[in-house]
């Protein structure tokens, strides 16, 4: 893969990157089709997931590990077993 960027002086630079993917990091190994994310009032509930993290839209970690999270109204990113779900709490 070649990445193109501009230097501080406005010149174009090209950087060649080689990315090796180990079979143990393949995303197919971590996807859990049974993970479900739902909202009831001000509560985000995640079921069937081994790993759950909830983030604000600014990237702040709101909760780690809990499957039931009480939040204020807003948009949240719920990462359940490596899959990101966008959630609106009214």
Protein backbone atom coordinates (compact mmCIF):
# COMPACT_ATOMS: atom_id res chain seq x y z
CA UNK A 1 0.00 0.00 0.00
CA UNK A 2 1.24 3.50 -0.78
CA UNK A 3 0.22 6.43 1.41
CA UNK A 4 0.40 9.94 -0.03
CA UNK A 5 0.72 12.94 2.27
CA UNK A 6 1.95 16.52 2.22
CA UNK A 7 4.86 17.80 4.26
CA UNK A 8 4.73 21.04 6.26
CA UNK A 9 6.42 22.78 3.32
CA UNK A 10 3.65 21.61 0.95
CA UNK A 11 5.69 18.95 -0.83
CA UNK A 12 4.12 15.60 -1.67
CA UNK A 13 5.67 12.55 -0.09
CA UNK A 14 4.99 8.89 -0.75
CA UNK A 15 5.44 6.21 1.87
CA UNK A 16 5.23 2.51 1.02
CA UNK A 17 3.75 0.39 3.81
CA UNK A 18 3.75 -3.38 4.03
CA UNK A 19 1.02 -4.84 6.19
CA UNK A 20 1.21 -8.45 7.35
CA UNK A 21 -1.94 -9.98 8.80
CA UNK A 22 -1.57 -12.87 11.20
CA UNK A 23 -4.36 -15.44 10.88
CA UNK A 24 -5.08 -15.12 14.63
CA UNK A 25 -6.01 -11.43 14.16
CA UNK A 26 -8.41 -12.08 11.29
CA UNK A 27 -11.71 -10.35 12.12
CA UNK A 28 -13.66 -13.49 11.22
CA UNK A 29 -12.33 -15.03 14.44
CA UNK A 30 -13.92 -12.39 16.69
CA UNK A 31 -17.27 -11.60 15.08
CA UNK A 32 -20.15 -12.78 17.21
CA UNK A 33 -23.39 -12.81 15.21
CA UNK A 34 -25.31 -13.45 18.44
CA UNK A 35 -24.41 -10.10 20.04
CA UNK A 36 -27.48 -7.84 20.22
CA UNK A 37 -27.58 -4.15 21.17
CA UNK A 38 -30.85 -2.53 22.27
CA UNK A 39 -32.05 0.68 23.91
CA UNK A 40 -34.86 0.96 26.44
CA UNK A 41 -35.35 4.50 27.74
CA UNK A 42 -31.92 5.70 28.86
CA UNK A 43 -30.47 2.20 29.14
CA UNK A 44 -28.23 0.53 26.56
CA UNK A 45 -28.34 -3.27 26.86
CA UNK A 46 -25.94 -5.66 25.15
CA UNK A 47 -26.63 -9.39 25.19
CA UNK A 48 -24.62 -12.32 23.87
CA UNK A 49 -21.27 -10.48 23.75
CA UNK A 50 -18.09 -11.41 25.58
CA UNK A 51 -16.56 -7.93 25.28
CA UNK A 52 -18.46 -4.61 25.48
CA UNK A 53 -17.19 -1.02 25.39
CA UNK A 54 -19.34 2.11 25.07
CA UNK A 55 -17.88 5.36 23.71
CA UNK A 56 -19.21 8.89 23.27
CA UNK A 57 -19.03 10.47 19.82
CA UNK A 58 -15.92 12.35 21.00
CA UNK A 59 -14.18 9.02 21.68
CA UNK A 60 -14.43 9.11 25.48
CA UNK A 61 -14.84 5.68 27.05
CA UNK A 62 -18.19 5.68 28.87
CA UNK A 63 -18.26 2.06 30.02
CA UNK A 64 -16.08 -1.04 29.75
CA UNK A 65 -17.29 -4.57 30.38
CA UNK A 66 -20.84 -3.83 31.55
CA UNK A 67 -23.72 -5.28 29.53
CA UNK A 68 -26.27 -2.74 30.87
CA UNK A 69 -25.36 0.95 30.82
CA UNK A 70 -27.49 3.90 31.95
CA UNK A 71 -26.68 7.03 29.91
CA UNK A 72 -28.06 10.49 29.17
CA UNK A 73 -29.68 11.24 25.81
CA UNK A 74 -27.21 11.26 22.91
CA UNK A 75 -25.42 9.18 20.31
CA UNK A 76 -23.10 6.40 21.47
CA UNK A 77 -20.78 3.89 19.83
CA UNK A 78 -21.16 0.42 21.30
CA UNK A 79 -18.37 -2.03 20.46
CA UNK A 80 -19.58 -5.57 21.12
CA UNK A 81 -17.07 -8.33 20.34
CA UNK A 82 -15.24 -6.06 17.90
CA UNK A 83 -18.35 -4.91 16.00
CA UNK A 84 -19.29 -1.21 16.31
CA UNK A 85 -22.97 -0.25 16.64
CA UNK A 86 -24.17 3.37 16.48
CA UNK A 87 -26.90 3.91 19.10
CA UNK A 88 -29.29 6.85 19.61
CA UNK A 89 -30.67 7.36 23.10
CA UNK A 90 -33.56 9.85 23.21
